[in-house]
């Protein structure tokens, strides 16, 4: 009885999670006043109950596995298409929202694991195996879309411009940031010196990324200055952007340069 009730409640929660995919993120919350994250956690709890109370009848687990695999593939495809096209493209074509699919897809995978994973051992080892399995699935469902979108974008760029130069390829990925890095590399001394860059905070998250800038301007060393543009030991050069240093009247909007101290 406990298993049957958990299974029914799990499918009800799964249905509520899928509603947001075809409506909008948060629609279910307006209906039942429960956030999607809470519904996901509840589905994981119910799946855990299913897992620790196994049944000899595995006839339905195969259908749930197929559903979980199918929706996972659909999620990855939808995210990839959306990343290559534009925001809302998939919704326009298929009336589903890829950004809302993670919770119901992960819940489907967790239920499938609970019903199909068979480990005959003591309870602590079974639970450890179960939570390790869903953790791996969580990681894959979070990271695979990023990998697929970035890889597809690179393949798309290669197909559209097979004869593009290295600079063209870098510029297509980094935009004006790459041009500025080329400028810095050409204008900084060949011998090792130090370049002051903004703090890594808005609006300088990219230009203030020390490890990233260092990879472009090596062997020049890089040091982050504080929000006022000062440091205990000032570097020989300072990155000059349209809004950096803070009191910088020399440049027009969207222009950059290099200050020698």
C-alpha atoms as a PDB file:
ATOM      1  CA  UNK A   1       0.000   0.000   0.000  1.00  0.00           C
ATOM      2  CA  UNK A   2       2.796   2.423   0.937  1.00  0.00           C
ATOM      3  CA  UNK A   3       4.499   1.785  -2.378  1.00  0.00           C
ATOM      4  CA  UNK A   4       1.275   2.289  -4.355  1.00  0.00           C
ATOM      5  CA  UNK A   5       0.481   5.573  -2.606  1.00  0.00           C
ATOM      6  CA  UNK A   6       4.049   6.835  -3.149  1.00  0.00           C
ATOM      7  CA  UNK A   7       3.882   5.910  -6.824  1.00  0.00           C
ATOM      8  CA  UNK A   8       0.560   7.696  -7.341  1.00  0.00           C
ATOM      9  CA  UNK A   9       1.730  10.824  -5.501  1.00  0.00           C
ATOM     10  CA  UNK A  10       4.980  10.758  -7.455  1.00  0.00           C
ATOM     11  CA  UNK A  11       3.129  10.783 -10.776  1.00  0.00           C
ATOM     12  CA  UNK A  12       0.859  13.599  -9.557  1.00  0.00           C
ATOM     13  CA  UNK A  13       3.898  15.692  -8.648  1.00  0.00           C
ATOM     14  CA  UNK A  14       5.467  14.850 -11.992  1.00  0.00           C
ATOM     15  CA  UNK A  15       2.322  16.029 -13.778  1.00  0.00           C
ATOM     16  CA  UNK A  16       2.396  19.356 -11.930  1.00  0.00           C
ATOM     17  CA  UNK A  17       6.065  19.830 -12.842  1.00  0.00           C
ATOM     18  CA  UNK A  18       5.345  19.183 -16.523  1.00  0.00           C
ATOM     19  CA  UNK A  19       2.534  21.775 -16.555  1.00  0.00           C
ATOM     20  CA  UNK A  20       5.108  24.591 -16.292  1.00  0.00           C
ATOM     21  CA  UNK A  21       6.823  23.313 -19.440  1.00  0.00           C
ATOM     22  CA  UNK A  22       3.708  23.980 -21.523  1.00  0.00           C
ATOM     23  CA  UNK A  23       2.536  27.085 -19.644  1.00  0.00           C
ATOM     24  CA  UNK A  24       5.233  29.226 -18.026  1.00  0.00           C
ATOM     25  CA  UNK A  25       7.714  28.921 -15.179  1.00  0.00           C
ATOM     26  CA  UNK A  26       5.794  29.369 -11.928  1.00  0.00           C
ATOM     27  CA  UNK A  27       2.351  28.608 -13.373  1.00  0.00           C
ATOM     28  CA  UNK A  28       1.922  25.579 -11.119  1.00  0.00           C
ATOM     29  CA  UNK A  29       2.805  27.708  -8.101  1.00  0.00           C
ATOM     30  CA  UNK A  30      -0.096  30.027  -8.937  1.00  0.00           C
ATOM     31  CA  UNK A  31      -2.405  26.991  -8.911  1.00  0.00           C
ATOM     32  CA  UNK A  32      -1.313  25.164  -5.749  1.00  0.00           C
ATOM     33  CA  UNK A  33       0.935  27.753  -4.019  1.00  0.00           C
ATOM     34  CA  UNK A  34       3.894  25.350  -3.965  1.00  0.00           C
ATOM     35  CA  UNK A  35       7.177  26.246  -5.758  1.00  0.00           C
ATOM     36  CA  UNK A  36       8.536  23.848  -8.376  1.00  0.00           C
ATOM     37  CA  UNK A  37      11.672  23.264  -6.304  1.00  0.00           C
ATOM     38  CA  UNK A  38       9.568  21.955  -3.417  1.00  0.00           C
ATOM     39  CA  UNK A  39       7.664  19.665  -5.795  1.00  0.00           C
ATOM     40  CA  UNK A  40      10.973  18.314  -7.091  1.00  0.00           C
ATOM     41  CA  UNK A  41      12.276  17.647  -3.580  1.00  0.00           C
ATOM     42  CA  UNK A  42       8.995  15.926  -2.696  1.00  0.00           C
ATOM     43  CA  UNK A  43       9.257  13.720  -5.792  1.00  0.00           C
ATOM     44  CA  UNK A  44      12.794  12.728  -4.780  1.00  0.00           C
ATOM     45  CA  UNK A  45      11.549  11.848  -1.285  1.00  0.00           C
ATOM     46  CA  UNK A  46       8.716   9.743  -2.689  1.00  0.00           C
ATOM     47  CA  UNK A  47      11.124   8.069  -5.114  1.00  0.00           C
ATOM     48  CA  UNK A  48      13.375   7.186  -2.185  1.00  0.00           C
ATOM     49  CA  UNK A  49      10.411   5.520  -0.472  1.00  0.00           C
ATOM     50  CA  UNK A  50       9.745   3.591  -3.684  1.00  0.00           C
ATOM     51  CA  UNK A  51      13.364   2.503  -3.827  1.00  0.00           C
ATOM     52  CA  UNK A  52      13.586   1.204  -0.260  1.00  0.00           C
ATOM     53  CA  UNK A  53      10.337  -0.722  -0.655  1.00  0.00           C
ATOM     54  CA  UNK A  54      11.046  -2.690  -3.854  1.00  0.00           C
ATOM     55  CA  UNK A  55       8.513  -4.823  -5.641  1.00  0.00           C
ATOM     56  CA  UNK A  56       9.015  -8.034  -7.552  1.00  0.00           C
ATOM     57  CA  UNK A  57       6.735  -6.681 -10.285  1.00  0.00           C
ATOM     58  CA  UNK A  58       9.027  -4.810 -12.708  1.00  0.00           C
ATOM     59  CA  UNK A  59       6.564  -4.805 -15.610  1.00  0.00           C
ATOM     60  CA  UNK A  60       5.962  -1.045 -15.518  1.00  0.00           C
ATOM     61  CA  UNK A  61       9.531   0.074 -14.881  1.00  0.00           C
ATOM     62  CA  UNK A  62      10.493  -0.442 -18.526  1.00  0.00           C
ATOM     63  CA  UNK A  63       7.886   2.074 -19.716  1.00  0.00           C
ATOM     64  CA  UNK A  64       9.044   4.617 -17.127  1.00  0.00           C
ATOM     65  CA  UNK A  65      12.676   4.121 -18.173  1.00  0.00           C
ATOM     66  CA  UNK A  66      11.748   4.764 -21.815  1.00  0.00           C
ATOM     67  CA  UNK A  67       9.810   7.876 -20.772  1.00  0.00           C
ATOM     68  CA  UNK A  68      12.729   9.172 -18.685  1.00  0.00           C
ATOM     69  CA  UNK A  69      15.275   8.558 -21.460  1.00  0.00           C
ATOM     70  CA  UNK A  70      12.978  10.061 -24.087  1.00  0.00           C
ATOM     71  CA  UNK A  71      12.264  13.231 -22.103  1.00  0.00           C
ATOM     72  CA  UNK A  72      15.963  13.608 -21.269  1.00  0.00           C
ATOM     73  CA  UNK A  73      16.869  13.473 -24.969  1.00  0.00           C
ATOM     74  CA  UNK A  74      14.031  15.920 -25.739  1.00  0.00           C
ATOM     75  CA  UNK A  75      15.346  18.289 -23.053  1.00  0.00           C
ATOM     76  CA  UNK A  76      18.897  18.195 -24.408  1.00  0.00           C
ATOM     77  CA  UNK A  77      17.713  18.737 -27.990  1.00  0.00           C
ATOM     78  CA  UNK A  78      15.419  21.611 -26.995  1.00  0.00           C
ATOM     79  CA  UNK A  79      18.167  23.372 -25.018  1.00  0.00           C
ATOM     80  CA  UNK A  80      20.617  22.935 -27.909  1.00  0.00           C
ATOM     81  CA  UNK A  81      18.162  24.274 -30.501  1.00  0.00           C
ATOM     82  CA  UNK A  82      17.278  27.212 -28.252  1.00  0.00           C
ATOM     83  CA  UNK A  83      20.964  27.995 -27.745  1.00  0.00           C
ATOM     84  CA  UNK A  84      21.655  27.957 -31.484  1.00  0.00           C
ATOM     85  CA  UNK A  85      18.542  29.930 -32.438  1.00  0.00           C
ATOM     86  CA  UNK A  86      17.065  32.497 -30.050  1.00  0.00           C
ATOM     87  CA  UNK A  87      15.128  32.758 -26.805  1.00  0.00           C
ATOM     88  CA  UNK A  88      11.576  31.526 -27.356  1.00  0.00           C
ATOM     89  CA  UNK A  89      12.311  29.749 -30.658  1.00  0.00           C
ATOM     90  CA  UNK A  90      11.444  26.266 -29.354  1.00  0.00           C
ATOM     91  CA  UNK A  91       8.288  27.551 -27.661  1.00  0.00           C
ATOM     92  CA  UNK A  92       7.164  29.119 -30.934  1.00  0.00           C
ATOM     93  CA  UNK A  93       7.600  25.815 -32.787  1.00  0.00           C
ATOM     94  CA  UNK A  94       6.566  23.200 -30.220  1.00  0.00           C
ATOM     95  CA  UNK A  95       4.839  25.180 -27.453  1.00  0.00           C
ATOM     96  CA  UNK A  96       7.176  23.951 -24.738  1.00  0.00           C
ATOM     97  CA  UNK A  97       9.707  25.870 -22.672  1.00  0.00           C
ATOM     98  CA  UNK A  98      13.202  24.297 -22.467  1.00  0.00           C
ATOM     99  CA  UNK A  99      14.136  26.472 -19.469  1.00  0.00           C
ATOM    100  CA  UNK A 100      11.307  24.828 -17.474  1.00  0.00           C
ATOM    101  CA  UNK A 101      12.117  21.243 -18.418  1.00  0.00           C
ATOM    102  CA  UNK A 102      14.924  20.447 -15.979  1.00  0.00           C
ATOM    103  CA  UNK A 103      12.745  19.821 -12.902  1.00  0.00           C
ATOM    104  CA  UNK A 104      10.232  17.425 -14.563  1.00  0.00           C
ATOM    105  CA  UNK A 105      12.952  15.634 -16.546  1.00  0.00           C
ATOM    106  CA  UNK A 106      15.100  15.108 -13.457  1.00  0.00           C
ATOM    107  CA  UNK A 107      12.056  13.980 -11.458  1.00  0.00           C
ATOM    108  CA  UNK A 108      11.249  11.466 -14.228  1.00  0.00           C
ATOM    109  CA  UNK A 109      14.817  10.147 -14.143  1.00  0.00           C
ATOM    110  CA  UNK A 110      14.755   9.817 -10.351  1.00  0.00           C
ATOM    111  CA  UNK A 111      11.496   7.838 -10.432  1.00  0.00           C
ATOM    112  CA  UNK A 112      12.891   5.592 -13.179  1.00  0.00           C
ATOM    113  CA  UNK A 113      16.024   4.933 -11.111  1.00  0.00           C
ATOM    114  CA  UNK A 114      13.938   4.145  -8.021  1.00  0.00           C
ATOM    115  CA  UNK A 115      11.821   1.619  -9.910  1.00  0.00           C
ATOM    116  CA  UNK A 116      14.558  -0.057 -11.949  1.00  0.00           C
ATOM    117  CA  UNK A 117      17.756   0.045  -9.853  1.00  0.00           C
ATOM    118  CA  UNK A 118      18.163  -3.339  -8.168  1.00  0.00           C
ATOM    119  CA  UNK A 119      20.908  -3.563  -5.515  1.00  0.00           C
ATOM    120  CA  UNK A 120      20.692  -6.531  -3.161  1.00  0.00           C
ATOM    121  CA  UNK A 121      22.635  -5.442  -0.121  1.00  0.00           C
ATOM    122  CA  UNK A 122      22.207  -3.813   3.264  1.00  0.00           C
ATOM    123  CA  UNK A 123      20.118  -0.629   3.339  1.00  0.00           C
ATOM    124  CA  UNK A 124      22.975   1.923   3.829  1.00  0.00           C
ATOM    125  CA  UNK A 125      24.823   0.595   0.773  1.00  0.00           C
ATOM    126  CA  UNK A 126      21.615   0.547  -1.264  1.00  0.00           C
ATOM    127  CA  UNK A 127      20.847   4.154  -0.315  1.00  0.00           C
ATOM    128  CA  UNK A 128      24.415   5.251  -1.049  1.00  0.00           C
ATOM    129  CA  UNK A 129      24.188   3.652  -4.493  1.00  0.00           C
ATOM    130  CA  UNK A 130      20.803   5.244  -5.111  1.00  0.00           C
ATOM    131  CA  UNK A 131      21.850   8.782  -4.158  1.00  0.00           C
ATOM    132  CA  UNK A 132      25.112   8.418  -6.091  1.00  0.00           C
ATOM    133  CA  UNK A 133      23.101   7.439  -9.168  1.00  0.00           C
ATOM    134  CA  UNK A 134      20.742  10.407  -8.965  1.00  0.00           C
ATOM    135  CA  UNK A 135      23.685  12.741  -8.241  1.00  0.00           C
ATOM    136  CA  UNK A 136      25.428  11.588 -11.422  1.00  0.00           C
ATOM    137  CA  UNK A 137      22.208  12.101 -13.395  1.00  0.00           C
ATOM    138  CA  UNK A 138      21.761  15.567 -11.875  1.00  0.00           C
ATOM    139  CA  UNK A 139      25.299  16.520 -12.877  1.00  0.00           C
ATOM    140  CA  UNK A 140      24.888  15.209 -16.422  1.00  0.00           C
ATOM    141  CA  UNK A 141      21.550  16.941 -16.955  1.00  0.00           C
ATOM    142  CA  UNK A 142      23.059  20.222 -15.733  1.00  0.00           C
ATOM    143  CA  UNK A 143      26.336  20.050 -17.652  1.00  0.00           C
ATOM    144  CA  UNK A 144      25.432  18.308 -20.921  1.00  0.00           C
ATOM    145  CA  UNK A 145      23.243  21.198 -22.175  1.00  0.00           C
ATOM    146  CA  UNK A 146      26.157  23.615 -21.710  1.00  0.00           C
ATOM    147  CA  UNK A 147      28.550  21.302 -23.550  1.00  0.00           C
ATOM    148  CA  UNK A 148      26.077  20.640 -26.361  1.00  0.00           C
ATOM    149  CA  UNK A 149      25.232  24.319 -26.897  1.00  0.00           C
ATOM    150  CA  UNK A 150      28.872  25.408 -26.930  1.00  0.00           C
ATOM    151  CA  UNK A 151      29.945  22.521 -29.170  1.00  0.00           C
ATOM    152  CA  UNK A 152      27.047  23.109 -31.564  1.00  0.00           C
ATOM    153  CA  UNK A 153      27.856  26.818 -31.738  1.00  0.00           C
ATOM    154  CA  UNK A 154      31.475  26.012 -32.644  1.00  0.00           C
ATOM    155  CA  UNK A 155      30.387  23.508 -35.299  1.00  0.00           C
ATOM    156  CA  UNK A 156      27.902  26.037 -36.691  1.00  0.00           C
ATOM    157  CA  UNK A 157      30.626  28.692 -36.895  1.00  0.00           C
ATOM    158  CA  UNK A 158      32.966  26.272 -38.702  1.00  0.00           C
ATOM    159  CA  UNK A 159      30.278  25.267 -41.201  1.00  0.00           C
ATOM    160  CA  UNK A 160      29.258  28.850 -41.949  1.00  0.00           C
ATOM    161  CA  UNK A 161      32.850  30.120 -42.270  1.00  0.00           C
ATOM    162  CA  UNK A 162      35.169  27.187 -43.127  1.00  0.00           C
ATOM    163  CA  UNK A 163      37.946  29.514 -44.353  1.00  0.00           C
ATOM    164  CA  UNK A 164      37.856  31.910 -41.387  1.00  0.00           C
ATOM    165  CA  UNK A 165      41.208  32.936 -39.934  1.00  0.00           C
ATOM    166  CA  UNK A 166      42.216  32.332 -36.328  1.00  0.00           C
ATOM    167  CA  UNK A 167      41.476  35.981 -35.500  1.00  0.00           C
ATOM    168  CA  UNK A 168      38.040  35.719 -37.111  1.00  0.00           C
ATOM    169  CA  UNK A 169      37.232  32.614 -35.071  1.00  0.00           C
ATOM    170  CA  UNK A 170      38.401  34.198 -31.829  1.00  0.00           C
ATOM    171  CA  UNK A 171      36.530  37.411 -32.591  1.00  0.00           C
ATOM    172  CA  UNK A 172      33.317  35.481 -33.254  1.00  0.00           C
ATOM    173  CA  UNK A 173      33.572  33.990 -29.747  1.00  0.00           C
ATOM    174  CA  UNK A 174      34.962  36.921 -27.761  1.00  0.00           C
ATOM    175  CA  UNK A 175      33.922  39.988 -29.763  1.00  0.00           C
ATOM    176  CA  UNK A 176      35.623  43.270 -28.916  1.00  0.00           C
ATOM    177  CA  UNK A 177      37.286  41.721 -25.875  1.00  0.00           C
ATOM    178  CA  UNK A 178      39.575  39.732 -28.162  1.00  0.00           C
ATOM    179  CA  UNK A 179      40.518  42.849 -30.180  1.00  0.00           C
ATOM    180  CA  UNK A 180      41.451  44.589 -26.939  1.00  0.00           C
ATOM    181  CA  UNK A 181      43.583  41.655 -25.815  1.00  0.00           C
ATOM    182  CA  UNK A 182      45.418  41.749 -29.174  1.00  0.00           C
ATOM    183  CA  UNK A 183      45.966  45.491 -28.674  1.00  0.00           C
ATOM    184  CA  UNK A 184      47.359  44.941 -25.168  1.00  0.00           C
ATOM    185  CA  UNK A 185      49.653  42.160 -26.341  1.00  0.00           C
ATOM    186  CA  UNK A 186      51.021  44.420 -29.103  1.00  0.00           C
ATOM    187  CA  UNK A 187      51.515  47.469 -26.876  1.00  0.00           C
ATOM    188  CA  UNK A 188      52.802  45.957 -23.641  1.00  0.00           C
ATOM    189  CA  UNK A 189      56.597  45.482 -23.377  1.00  0.00           C
ATOM    190  CA  UNK A 190      57.951  42.085 -24.343  1.00  0.00           C
ATOM    191  CA  UNK A 191      59.715  41.692 -21.004  1.00  0.00           C
ATOM    192  CA  UNK A 192      57.651  40.757 -17.957  1.00  0.00           C
ATOM    193  CA  UNK A 193      55.704  43.673 -16.487  1.00  0.00           C
ATOM    194  CA  UNK A 194      52.467  44.134 -14.527  1.00  0.00           C
ATOM    195  CA  UNK A 195      49.078  45.197 -15.864  1.00  0.00           C
ATOM    196  CA  UNK A 196      46.421  46.587 -13.544  1.00  0.00           C
ATOM    197  CA  UNK A 197      42.880  45.493 -14.379  1.00  0.00           C
ATOM    198  CA  UNK A 198      39.479  46.318 -12.813  1.00  0.00           C
ATOM    199  CA  UNK A 199      38.049  44.225  -9.963  1.00  0.00           C
ATOM    200  CA  UNK A 200      36.061  41.236 -11.176  1.00  0.00           C
ATOM    201  CA  UNK A 201      32.634  42.686 -10.461  1.00  0.00           C
ATOM    202  CA  UNK A 202      29.909  44.353 -12.494  1.00  0.00           C
ATOM    203  CA  UNK A 203      30.394  45.836 -15.037  1.00  0.00           C
ATOM    204  CA  UNK A 204      33.940  44.435 -15.425  1.00  0.00           C
ATOM    205  CA  UNK A 205      33.320  40.706 -14.952  1.00  0.00           C
ATOM    206  CA  UNK A 206      35.082  39.836 -18.223  1.00  0.00           C
ATOM    207  CA  UNK A 207      37.840  42.454 -18.252  1.00  0.00           C
ATOM    208  CA  UNK A 208      38.464  41.878 -14.542  1.00  0.00           C
ATOM    209  CA  UNK A 209      38.950  38.112 -14.942  1.00  0.00           C
ATOM    210  CA  UNK A 210      42.646  37.908 -14.062  1.00  0.00           C
ATOM    211  CA  UNK A 211      43.273  34.333 -15.200  1.00  0.00           C
ATOM    212  CA  UNK A 212      41.542  34.960 -18.539  1.00  0.00           C
ATOM    213  CA  UNK A 213      43.380  38.232 -19.256  1.00  0.00           C
ATOM    214  CA  UNK A 214      46.662  36.617 -18.151  1.00  0.00           C
ATOM    215  CA  UNK A 215      46.249  33.891 -20.765  1.00  0.00           C
ATOM    216  CA  UNK A 216      46.087  36.528 -23.513  1.00  0.00           C
ATOM    217  CA  UNK A 217      48.860  38.917 -22.380  1.00  0.00           C
ATOM    218  CA  UNK A 218      51.461  36.465 -20.966  1.00  0.00           C
ATOM    219  CA  UNK A 219      54.301  36.999 -19.941  1.00  0.00           C
ATOM    220  CA  UNK A 220      52.812  40.210 -18.558  1.00  0.00           C
ATOM    221  CA  UNK A 221      51.552  39.674 -15.016  1.00  0.00           C
ATOM    222  CA  UNK A 222      48.044  40.776 -14.083  1.00  0.00           C
ATOM    223  CA  UNK A 223      46.776  42.280 -10.838  1.00  0.00           C
ATOM    224  CA  UNK A 224      43.265  43.399  -9.889  1.00  0.00           C
ATOM    225  CA  UNK A 225      42.886  46.948  -8.574  1.00  0.00           C
ATOM    226  CA  UNK A 226      40.139  47.910  -6.151  1.00  0.00           C
ATOM    227  CA  UNK A 227      36.971  49.772  -7.134  1.00  0.00           C
ATOM    228  CA  UNK A 228      38.732  53.132  -6.797  1.00  0.00           C
ATOM    229  CA  UNK A 229      41.511  52.119  -9.186  1.00  0.00           C
ATOM    230  CA  UNK A 230      44.208  52.027  -6.529  1.00  0.00           C
ATOM    231  CA  UNK A 231      46.427  49.373  -4.933  1.00  0.00           C
ATOM    232  CA  UNK A 232      49.160  49.113  -2.321  1.00  0.00           C
ATOM    233  CA  UNK A 233      51.752  48.675  -5.075  1.00  0.00           C
ATOM    234  CA  UNK A 234      50.712  50.259  -8.356  1.00  0.00           C
ATOM    235  CA  UNK A 235      51.517  48.332 -11.558  1.00  0.00           C
ATOM    236  CA  UNK A 236      53.490  49.780 -14.468  1.00  0.00           C
ATOM    237  CA  UNK A 237      50.425  49.779 -16.740  1.00  0.00           C
ATOM    238  CA  UNK A 238      46.668  50.053 -16.217  1.00  0.00           C
ATOM    239  CA  UNK A 239      43.928  48.788 -18.476  1.00  0.00           C
ATOM    240  CA  UNK A 240      41.935  51.761 -19.803  1.00  0.00           C
ATOM    241  CA  UNK A 241      38.272  51.242 -20.672  1.00  0.00           C
ATOM    242  CA  UNK A 242      35.473  53.712 -21.315  1.00  0.00           C
ATOM    243  CA  UNK A 243      34.418  53.377 -17.653  1.00  0.00           C
ATOM    244  CA  UNK A 244      37.768  52.419 -16.103  1.00  0.00           C
ATOM    245  CA  UNK A 245      39.646  53.844 -14.237  1.00  0.00           C
ATOM    246  CA  UNK A 246      36.658  55.434 -12.437  1.00  0.00           C
ATOM    247  CA  UNK A 247      37.800  59.015 -13.209  1.00  0.00           C
ATOM    248  CA  UNK A 248      38.623  58.484 -16.866  1.00  0.00           C
ATOM    249  CA  UNK A 249      37.699  61.464 -19.090  1.00  0.00           C
ATOM    250  CA  UNK A 250      40.131  60.527 -21.861  1.00  0.00           C
ATOM    251  CA  UNK A 251      38.119  57.970 -23.806  1.00  0.00           C
ATOM    252  CA  UNK A 252      34.788  57.938 -25.570  1.00  0.00           C
ATOM    253  CA  UNK A 253      32.107  55.342 -24.929  1.00  0.00           C
ATOM    254  CA  UNK A 254      33.054  51.816 -26.100  1.00  0.00           C
ATOM    255  CA  UNK A 255      36.727  52.809 -26.584  1.00  0.00           C
ATOM    256  CA  UNK A 256      39.779  51.382 -24.857  1.00  0.00           C
ATOM    257  CA  UNK A 257      43.464  52.047 -24.435  1.00  0.00           C
ATOM    258  CA  UNK A 258      46.454  51.565 -22.113  1.00  0.00           C
ATOM    259  CA  UNK A 259      47.777  53.859 -19.368  1.00  0.00           C
ATOM    260  CA  UNK A 260      51.502  53.865 -18.569  1.00  0.00           C
ATOM    261  CA  UNK A 261      52.299  55.049 -15.050  1.00  0.00           C
END
